Amino acid sequence: MLGSTNAPLQLAVDTLSMLLAIAVLIGFLTPISCGLITIVYLTIGSGSLLVSNGQSSSFTALDFAVISAALVLLGPGAFSLDAKMFGRREIRIPRKGP
């Protein structure tokens, strides 16, 4: 990829992906990080799916997009940095009275 005109853009995408992966790994701002990862992988997967004839790399990128979208909906875990910073959230289901 050296000498290519897309080298700076590829370096920026790779660096962003690494930083977001580390943020998700330690559980820092999980919904925001996973939302950005979803956007990046949807862009990569749909772009390579349109250009090529359905190679496995485009399906892998779309699979990662679905997994990160699920993490957006699930949120951080109990042992994440978000739980340490903002506290654990308790879900209260209201009772319907008679």
Protein backbone atom coordinates (compact mmCIF):
# COMPACT_ATOMS: atom_id res chain seq x y z
CA MET A 1 0.00 0.00 0.00
CA LEU A 2 3.02 2.26 0.21
CA GLY A 3 3.11 4.79 -2.57
CA SER A 4 -0.62 4.60 -3.09
CA THR A 5 -2.74 7.74 -3.15
CA ASN A 6 -5.04 6.22 -0.51
CA ALA A 7 -2.21 5.53 1.95
CA PRO A 8 -2.96 8.49 4.30
CA LEU A 9 -6.66 7.63 4.33
CA GLN A 10 -5.93 3.97 4.98
CA LEU A 11 -3.57 4.90 7.82
CA ALA A 12 -6.26 7.12 9.36
CA VAL A 13 -8.90 4.36 9.14
CA ASP A 14 -6.50 1.79 10.61
CA THR A 15 -5.54 4.10 13.48
CA LEU A 16 -9.17 4.93 14.23
CA SER A 17 -10.06 1.23 14.18
CA MET A 18 -7.26 0.39 16.62
CA LEU A 19 -8.23 3.18 19.02
CA LEU A 20 -11.89 2.20 18.94
CA ALA A 21 -11.03 -1.47 19.46
CA ILE A 22 -8.97 -0.59 22.53
CA ALA A 23 -11.82 1.59 23.85
CA VAL A 24 -14.28 -1.28 23.47
CA LEU A 25 -11.84 -3.74 25.01
CA ILE A 26 -11.49 -1.71 28.21
CA GLY A 27 -15.13 -0.62 28.13
CA PHE A 28 -14.59 3.12 27.68
CA LEU A 29 -17.59 4.99 26.21
CA THR A 30 -18.89 1.71 24.84
CA PRO A 31 -22.04 2.92 23.03
CA ILE A 32 -20.16 5.73 21.26
CA SER A 33 -17.16 3.55 20.37
CA CYS A 34 -19.31 0.69 19.08
CA GLY A 35 -21.49 3.11 17.13
CA LEU A 36 -18.44 4.45 15.33
CA ILE A 37 -17.16 0.92 14.73
CA THR A 38 -20.53 0.01 13.24
CA ILE A 39 -20.34 2.94 10.83
CA VAL A 40 -16.76 2.12 9.82
CA TYR A 41 -17.50 -1.57 9.19
CA LEU A 42 -20.72 -0.83 7.33
CA THR A 43 -18.78 1.51 5.07
CA ILE A 44 -16.00 -1.02 4.52
CA GLY A 45 -18.39 -3.94 4.01
CA SER A 46 -20.81 -2.22 1.69
CA GLY A 47 -18.02 -0.61 -0.34
CA SER A 48 -16.17 -3.86 -0.87
CA LEU A 49 -19.44 -5.72 -1.53
CA LEU A 50 -20.35 -3.29 -4.30
CA VAL A 51 -16.90 -3.34 -5.88
CA SER A 52 -16.21 -7.08 -5.68
CA ASN A 53 -18.47 -10.03 -6.25
CA GLY A 54 -19.22 -10.87 -2.62
CA GLN A 55 -15.89 -11.95 -1.22
CA SER A 56 -15.69 -13.24 2.32
CA SER A 57 -13.92 -10.08 3.55
CA SER A 58 -16.97 -7.95 2.83
CA PHE A 59 -19.22 -10.41 4.65
CA THR A 60 -16.79 -10.43 7.58
CA ALA A 61 -16.93 -6.63 7.76
CA LEU A 62 -20.72 -6.71 7.72
CA ASP A 63 -20.67 -9.38 10.42
CA PHE A 64 -18.46 -7.16 12.60
CA ALA A 65 -20.90 -4.30 11.99
CA VAL A 66 -23.80 -6.40 13.28
CA ILE A 67 -21.82 -7.49 16.34
CA SER A 68 -20.82 -3.92 17.20
CA ALA A 69 -24.41 -2.76 16.71
CA ALA A 70 -25.48 -5.41 19.22
CA LEU A 71 -22.89 -4.04 21.66
CA VAL A 72 -24.35 -0.57 21.21
CA LEU A 73 -27.71 -1.90 22.33
CA LEU A 74 -26.32 -4.01 25.19
CA GLY A 75 -24.00 -1.38 26.63
CA PRO A 76 -20.93 -1.85 28.81
CA GLY A 77 -20.42 -4.77 31.15
CA ALA A 78 -20.19 -4.85 34.92
CA PHE A 79 -16.39 -4.83 34.93
CA SER A 80 -15.90 -2.12 32.31
CA LEU A 81 -14.36 1.30 32.73
CA ASP A 82 -17.79 2.86 32.10
CA ALA A 83 -19.18 0.99 35.12
CA LYS A 84 -16.32 2.30 37.26
CA MET A 85 -16.73 5.88 36.02
CA PHE A 86 -20.51 6.23 35.90
CA GLY A 87 -21.67 3.47 38.24
CA ARG A 88 -23.68 0.39 37.45
CA ARG A 89 -27.17 0.93 36.15
CA GLU A 90 -30.10 -0.82 37.69
CA ILE A 91 -33.09 -1.51 35.54
CA ARG A 92 -36.35 -1.06 37.40
CA ILE A 93 -39.47 -2.55 35.92
CA PRO A 94 -42.54 -0.77 37.24
CA ARG A 95 -45.33 -2.87 38.66
CA LYS A 96 -48.79 -2.54 37.27
CA GLY A 97 -51.09 -2.08 40.22
CA PRO A 98 -54.53 -3.69 40.50
